[in-house]
Amino acid sequence: MLRIFTHLDCRSIAIFTVSIMVFISICCWCGLVLLAWWSPPKCDPRASGLITADDQLLPAYVMEVAHHLHGIPGLFISGIFGAALSSLSVGFNSTSVVILEDFVKGCFKMKPNDRCSTIFVKTLIILFGLLALCLLFLIEKLGGVLAVTGSLAAIAAGTSFGVFTLGILFPWTNSK
């Protein structure tokens, strides 16, 4: 009999599920704290001109609450930027290696040596970085970063859900 999930798979799914639940709970808690902080009699920070977009609420809150604690707002903002840049670098690295392995080595059947592969991957990372920098100016014109991110995440999640559902419901489906 074919076992679909191993014990390790179930543990990793459970850890992932609990981690996502904790992350979403923390995000909801932060939203509730922001709502409570700027509820009347305090004014709306967007209407007062303190912020210009909704994604500036949390940094504005930290600046307002911890402005007298020297260094704390800077540590908070640097933590956010560090997490974002870490995720961005992981995305660039993994995308570059996937292009090398799946397209260059897989589709085009090329066999570059280690030095050429390293140069190719590093060049792709630089190109992706420049592309992200160019897209930054486009996203700035589109509005809030949260709306654009939510739309792009929904597109990616919907496509992934469709492919996995196809594979689960129709086991004879292949790569073609």
C-alpha atoms as a PDB file:
ATOM      1  CA  MET A   1       0.000   0.000   0.000  1.00  0.00           C
ATOM      2  CA  LEU A   2       1.272   3.455  -0.935  1.00  0.00           C
ATOM      3  CA  ARG A   3       1.672   5.824   1.998  1.00  0.00           C
ATOM      4  CA  ILE A   4       0.855   9.380   1.018  1.00  0.00           C
ATOM      5  CA  PHE A   5       2.138  11.163   4.115  1.00  0.00           C
ATOM      6  CA  THR A   6       4.946  10.136   6.375  1.00  0.00           C
ATOM      7  CA  HIS A   7       5.165  11.015  10.041  1.00  0.00           C
ATOM      8  CA  LEU A   8       7.676  13.759   9.213  1.00  0.00           C
ATOM      9  CA  ASP A   9       5.297  15.265   6.642  1.00  0.00           C
ATOM     10  CA  CYS A  10       2.485  15.441   9.189  1.00  0.00           C
ATOM     11  CA  ARG A  11       4.770  17.089  11.752  1.00  0.00           C
ATOM     12  CA  SER A  12       5.969  19.693   9.258  1.00  0.00           C
ATOM     13  CA  ILE A  13       2.383  20.451   8.198  1.00  0.00           C
ATOM     14  CA  ALA A  14       1.378  20.819  11.851  1.00  0.00           C
ATOM     15  CA  ILE A  15       4.323  23.139  12.609  1.00  0.00           C
ATOM     16  CA  PHE A  16       3.538  25.212   9.512  1.00  0.00           C
ATOM     17  CA  THR A  17      -0.161  25.455  10.411  1.00  0.00           C
ATOM     18  CA  VAL A  18       0.518  26.487  13.999  1.00  0.00           C
ATOM     19  CA  SER A  19       3.132  29.024  12.865  1.00  0.00           C
ATOM     20  CA  ILE A  20       0.746  30.598  10.358  1.00  0.00           C
ATOM     21  CA  MET A  21      -1.988  30.751  13.006  1.00  0.00           C
ATOM     22  CA  VAL A  22       0.376  32.498  15.426  1.00  0.00           C
ATOM     23  CA  PHE A  23       1.540  34.924  12.734  1.00  0.00           C
ATOM     24  CA  ILE A  24      -1.992  35.846  11.687  1.00  0.00           C
ATOM     25  CA  SER A  25      -3.031  36.187  15.324  1.00  0.00           C
ATOM     26  CA  ILE A  26      -0.151  38.606  15.990  1.00  0.00           C
ATOM     27  CA  CYS A  27      -1.108  40.625  12.901  1.00  0.00           C
ATOM     28  CA  CYS A  28      -4.734  40.803  14.061  1.00  0.00           C
ATOM     29  CA  TRP A  29      -3.605  41.785  17.567  1.00  0.00           C
ATOM     30  CA  CYS A  30      -1.473  44.590  16.117  1.00  0.00           C
ATOM     31  CA  GLY A  31      -4.473  45.814  14.137  1.00  0.00           C
ATOM     32  CA  LEU A  32      -6.638  45.823  17.254  1.00  0.00           C
ATOM     33  CA  VAL A  33      -3.982  47.745  19.194  1.00  0.00           C
ATOM     34  CA  LEU A  34      -3.811  50.342  16.405  1.00  0.00           C
ATOM     35  CA  LEU A  35      -7.596  50.624  16.314  1.00  0.00           C
ATOM     36  CA  ALA A  36      -7.745  51.105  20.071  1.00  0.00           C
ATOM     37  CA  TRP A  37      -4.904  53.641  20.067  1.00  0.00           C
ATOM     38  CA  TRP A  38      -6.370  55.932  17.420  1.00  0.00           C
ATOM     39  CA  SER A  39     -10.019  55.568  18.399  1.00  0.00           C
ATOM     40  CA  PRO A  40     -11.747  58.746  19.677  1.00  0.00           C
ATOM     41  CA  PRO A  41     -10.799  61.056  21.345  1.00  0.00           C
ATOM     42  CA  LYS A  42      -7.534  60.717  19.341  1.00  0.00           C
ATOM     43  CA  CYS A  43      -7.875  61.645  15.704  1.00  0.00           C
ATOM     44  CA  ASP A  44      -7.417  59.551  12.606  1.00  0.00           C
ATOM     45  CA  PRO A  45      -3.704  59.735  11.654  1.00  0.00           C
ATOM     46  CA  ARG A  46      -4.527  59.750   7.952  1.00  0.00           C
ATOM     47  CA  ALA A  47      -7.016  62.604   8.271  1.00  0.00           C
ATOM     48  CA  SER A  48      -4.573  64.619  10.384  1.00  0.00           C
ATOM     49  CA  GLY A  49      -1.778  64.194   7.812  1.00  0.00           C
ATOM     50  CA  LEU A  50       0.473  62.107  10.085  1.00  0.00           C
ATOM     51  CA  ILE A  51       0.518  59.298   7.479  1.00  0.00           C
ATOM     52  CA  THR A  52      -0.348  59.109   3.800  1.00  0.00           C
ATOM     53  CA  ALA A  53      -0.965  55.344   3.369  1.00  0.00           C
ATOM     54  CA  ASP A  54      -2.395  52.570   5.506  1.00  0.00           C
ATOM     55  CA  ASP A  55       0.881  50.648   5.559  1.00  0.00           C
ATOM     56  CA  GLN A  56       2.418  53.477   7.595  1.00  0.00           C
ATOM     57  CA  LEU A  57       0.114  52.913  10.600  1.00  0.00           C
ATOM     58  CA  LEU A  58       2.367  50.598  12.610  1.00  0.00           C
ATOM     59  CA  PRO A  59       5.581  52.645  12.187  1.00  0.00           C
ATOM     60  CA  ALA A  60       3.649  55.825  13.071  1.00  0.00           C
ATOM     61  CA  TYR A  61       2.295  54.100  16.178  1.00  0.00           C
ATOM     62  CA  VAL A  62       5.786  53.035  17.258  1.00  0.00           C
ATOM     63  CA  MET A  63       7.129  56.548  16.672  1.00  0.00           C
ATOM     64  CA  GLU A  64       4.293  58.056  18.703  1.00  0.00           C
ATOM     65  CA  VAL A  65       4.524  55.621  21.607  1.00  0.00           C
ATOM     66  CA  ALA A  66       8.298  55.166  21.850  1.00  0.00           C
ATOM     67  CA  HIS A  67       9.628  58.525  20.643  1.00  0.00           C
ATOM     68  CA  HIS A  68      11.098  59.284  24.068  1.00  0.00           C
ATOM     69  CA  LEU A  69      13.020  55.962  24.230  1.00  0.00           C
ATOM     70  CA  HIS A  70      16.211  56.667  22.319  1.00  0.00           C
ATOM     71  CA  GLY A  71      16.976  53.993  19.741  1.00  0.00           C
ATOM     72  CA  ILE A  72      13.837  51.868  20.136  1.00  0.00           C
ATOM     73  CA  PRO A  73      11.948  53.259  17.099  1.00  0.00           C
ATOM     74  CA  GLY A  74      15.100  52.828  15.009  1.00  0.00           C
ATOM     75  CA  LEU A  75      15.515  49.224  16.159  1.00  0.00           C
ATOM     76  CA  PHE A  76      11.882  48.522  15.302  1.00  0.00           C
ATOM     77  CA  ILE A  77      12.164  49.998  11.812  1.00  0.00           C
ATOM     78  CA  SER A  78      15.507  48.275  11.182  1.00  0.00           C
ATOM     79  CA  GLY A  79      13.944  44.961  12.257  1.00  0.00           C
ATOM     80  CA  ILE A  80      11.140  45.414   9.738  1.00  0.00           C
ATOM     81  CA  PHE A  81      13.581  46.319   6.961  1.00  0.00           C
ATOM     82  CA  GLY A  82      15.871  43.431   7.908  1.00  0.00           C
ATOM     83  CA  ALA A  83      13.026  40.921   7.727  1.00  0.00           C
ATOM     84  CA  ALA A  84      11.842  42.325   4.398  1.00  0.00           C
ATOM     85  CA  LEU A  85      15.315  42.306   2.850  1.00  0.00           C
ATOM     86  CA  SER A  86      15.956  38.793   4.138  1.00  0.00           C
ATOM     87  CA  SER A  87      12.782  37.535   2.481  1.00  0.00           C
ATOM     88  CA  LEU A  88      13.656  39.417  -0.692  1.00  0.00           C
ATOM     89  CA  SER A  89      17.160  37.946  -0.875  1.00  0.00           C
ATOM     90  CA  VAL A  90      15.834  34.425  -0.315  1.00  0.00           C
ATOM     91  CA  GLY A  91      13.338  34.963  -3.126  1.00  0.00           C
ATOM     92  CA  PHE A  92      16.015  36.256  -5.504  1.00  0.00           C
ATOM     93  CA  ASN A  93      18.417  33.414  -4.684  1.00  0.00           C
ATOM     94  CA  SER A  94      15.839  30.642  -4.968  1.00  0.00           C
ATOM     95  CA  THR A  95      14.357  32.027  -8.188  1.00  0.00           C
ATOM     96  CA  SER A  96      17.797  32.272  -9.766  1.00  0.00           C
ATOM     97  CA  VAL A  97      18.714  28.698  -8.829  1.00  0.00           C
ATOM     98  CA  VAL A  98      15.329  27.409 -10.057  1.00  0.00           C
ATOM     99  CA  ILE A  99      15.922  29.112 -13.416  1.00  0.00           C
ATOM    100  CA  LEU A 100      19.368  27.533 -13.594  1.00  0.00           C
ATOM    101  CA  GLU A 101      18.232  24.023 -12.654  1.00  0.00           C
ATOM    102  CA  ASP A 102      14.839  23.852 -14.375  1.00  0.00           C
ATOM    103  CA  PHE A 103      15.334  25.955 -17.475  1.00  0.00           C
ATOM    104  CA  VAL A 104      19.034  26.028 -18.299  1.00  0.00           C
ATOM    105  CA  LYS A 105      19.844  22.474 -17.213  1.00  0.00           C
ATOM    106  CA  GLY A 106      16.363  20.971 -17.643  1.00  0.00           C
ATOM    107  CA  CYS A 107      14.746  22.484 -20.736  1.00  0.00           C
ATOM    108  CA  PHE A 108      17.825  23.513 -22.702  1.00  0.00           C
ATOM    109  CA  LYS A 109      19.888  20.467 -21.587  1.00  0.00           C
ATOM    110  CA  MET A 110      22.954  22.628 -21.001  1.00  0.00           C
ATOM    111  CA  LYS A 111      25.650  21.425 -18.605  1.00  0.00           C
ATOM    112  CA  PRO A 112      27.500  24.518 -17.311  1.00  0.00           C
ATOM    113  CA  ASN A 113      30.418  23.970 -14.958  1.00  0.00           C
ATOM    114  CA  ASP A 114      30.341  25.240 -11.367  1.00  0.00           C
ATOM    115  CA  ARG A 115      32.062  28.541 -12.158  1.00  0.00           C
ATOM    116  CA  CYS A 116      29.661  29.357 -15.012  1.00  0.00           C
ATOM    117  CA  SER A 117      26.669  28.349 -12.885  1.00  0.00           C
ATOM    118  CA  THR A 118      27.798  30.637 -10.064  1.00  0.00           C
ATOM    119  CA  ILE A 119      28.311  33.573 -12.432  1.00  0.00           C
ATOM    120  CA  PHE A 120      24.914  32.914 -14.065  1.00  0.00           C
ATOM    121  CA  VAL A 121      23.077  32.784 -10.727  1.00  0.00           C
ATOM    122  CA  LYS A 122      24.796  35.923  -9.394  1.00  0.00           C
ATOM    123  CA  THR A 123      24.029  37.780 -12.625  1.00  0.00           C
ATOM    124  CA  LEU A 124      20.373  36.770 -12.371  1.00  0.00           C
ATOM    125  CA  ILE A 125      20.255  37.966  -8.760  1.00  0.00           C
ATOM    126  CA  ILE A 126      21.599  41.367  -9.809  1.00  0.00           C
ATOM    127  CA  LEU A 127      19.093  41.553 -12.677  1.00  0.00           C
ATOM    128  CA  PHE A 128      16.210  40.629 -10.360  1.00  0.00           C
ATOM    129  CA  GLY A 129      17.379  43.287  -7.913  1.00  0.00           C
ATOM    130  CA  LEU A 130      17.436  45.923 -10.648  1.00  0.00           C
ATOM    131  CA  LEU A 131      14.003  44.782 -11.833  1.00  0.00           C
ATOM    132  CA  ALA A 132      12.650  45.072  -8.289  1.00  0.00           C
ATOM    133  CA  LEU A 133      14.134  48.542  -8.007  1.00  0.00           C
ATOM    134  CA  CYS A 134      12.434  49.582 -11.256  1.00  0.00           C
ATOM    135  CA  LEU A 135       9.136  48.053 -10.166  1.00  0.00           C
ATOM    136  CA  LEU A 136       9.353  50.028  -6.937  1.00  0.00           C
ATOM    137  CA  PHE A 137       8.610  53.221  -8.842  1.00  0.00           C
ATOM    138  CA  LEU A 138       5.672  51.537 -10.592  1.00  0.00           C
ATOM    139  CA  ILE A 139       4.186  50.244  -7.330  1.00  0.00           C
ATOM    140  CA  GLU A 140       4.548  53.705  -5.817  1.00  0.00           C
ATOM    141  CA  LYS A 141       2.184  55.010  -8.501  1.00  0.00           C
ATOM    142  CA  LEU A 142      -0.319  52.161  -8.032  1.00  0.00           C
ATOM    143  CA  GLY A 143      -1.206  53.081  -4.450  1.00  0.00           C
ATOM    144  CA  GLY A 144      -0.613  51.203  -1.216  1.00  0.00           C
ATOM    145  CA  VAL A 145       1.890  48.394  -1.027  1.00  0.00           C
ATOM    146  CA  LEU A 146      -0.553  46.260   0.963  1.00  0.00           C
ATOM    147  CA  ALA A 147      -3.177  46.264  -1.801  1.00  0.00           C
ATOM    148  CA  VAL A 148      -0.666  45.350  -4.500  1.00  0.00           C
ATOM    149  CA  THR A 149       0.908  42.662  -2.322  1.00  0.00           C
ATOM    150  CA  GLY A 150      -2.480  41.182  -1.474  1.00  0.00           C
ATOM    151  CA  SER A 151      -3.471  41.027  -5.133  1.00  0.00           C
ATOM    152  CA  LEU A 152      -0.210  39.403  -6.216  1.00  0.00           C
ATOM    153  CA  ALA A 153      -0.333  36.912  -3.332  1.00  0.00           C
ATOM    154  CA  ALA A 154      -3.906  35.979  -4.269  1.00  0.00           C
ATOM    155  CA  ILE A 155      -2.869  35.379  -7.879  1.00  0.00           C
ATOM    156  CA  ALA A 156       0.027  33.137  -6.815  1.00  0.00           C
ATOM    157  CA  ALA A 157      -2.021  31.284  -4.189  1.00  0.00           C
ATOM    158  CA  GLY A 158      -4.905  30.701  -6.587  1.00  0.00           C
ATOM    159  CA  THR A 159      -2.619  29.291  -9.253  1.00  0.00           C
ATOM    160  CA  SER A 160      -0.821  27.035  -6.767  1.00  0.00           C
ATOM    161  CA  PHE A 161      -4.137  25.855  -5.347  1.00  0.00           C
ATOM    162  CA  GLY A 162      -5.359  25.009  -8.851  1.00  0.00           C
ATOM    163  CA  VAL A 163      -2.237  23.020  -9.741  1.00  0.00           C
ATOM    164  CA  PHE A 164      -2.233  21.070  -6.452  1.00  0.00           C
ATOM    165  CA  THR A 165      -5.964  20.380  -6.704  1.00  0.00           C
ATOM    166  CA  LEU A 166      -5.473  19.129 -10.257  1.00  0.00           C
ATOM    167  CA  GLY A 167      -2.707  16.802  -9.071  1.00  0.00           C
ATOM    168  CA  ILE A 168      -4.771  15.489  -6.147  1.00  0.00           C
ATOM    169  CA  LEU A 169      -8.023  14.932  -8.038  1.00  0.00           C
ATOM    170  CA  PHE A 170      -6.445  13.627 -11.253  1.00  0.00           C
ATOM    171  CA  PRO A 171      -3.412  11.478 -10.387  1.00  0.00           C
ATOM    172  CA  TRP A 172      -2.686  10.718 -14.035  1.00  0.00           C
ATOM    173  CA  THR A 173      -1.895  14.401 -14.662  1.00  0.00           C
ATOM    174  CA  ASN A 174       1.692  14.908 -15.753  1.00  0.00           C
ATOM    175  CA  SER A 175       3.908  17.907 -16.457  1.00  0.00           C
ATOM    176  CA  LYS A 176       2.490  18.416 -19.938  1.00  0.00           C
END
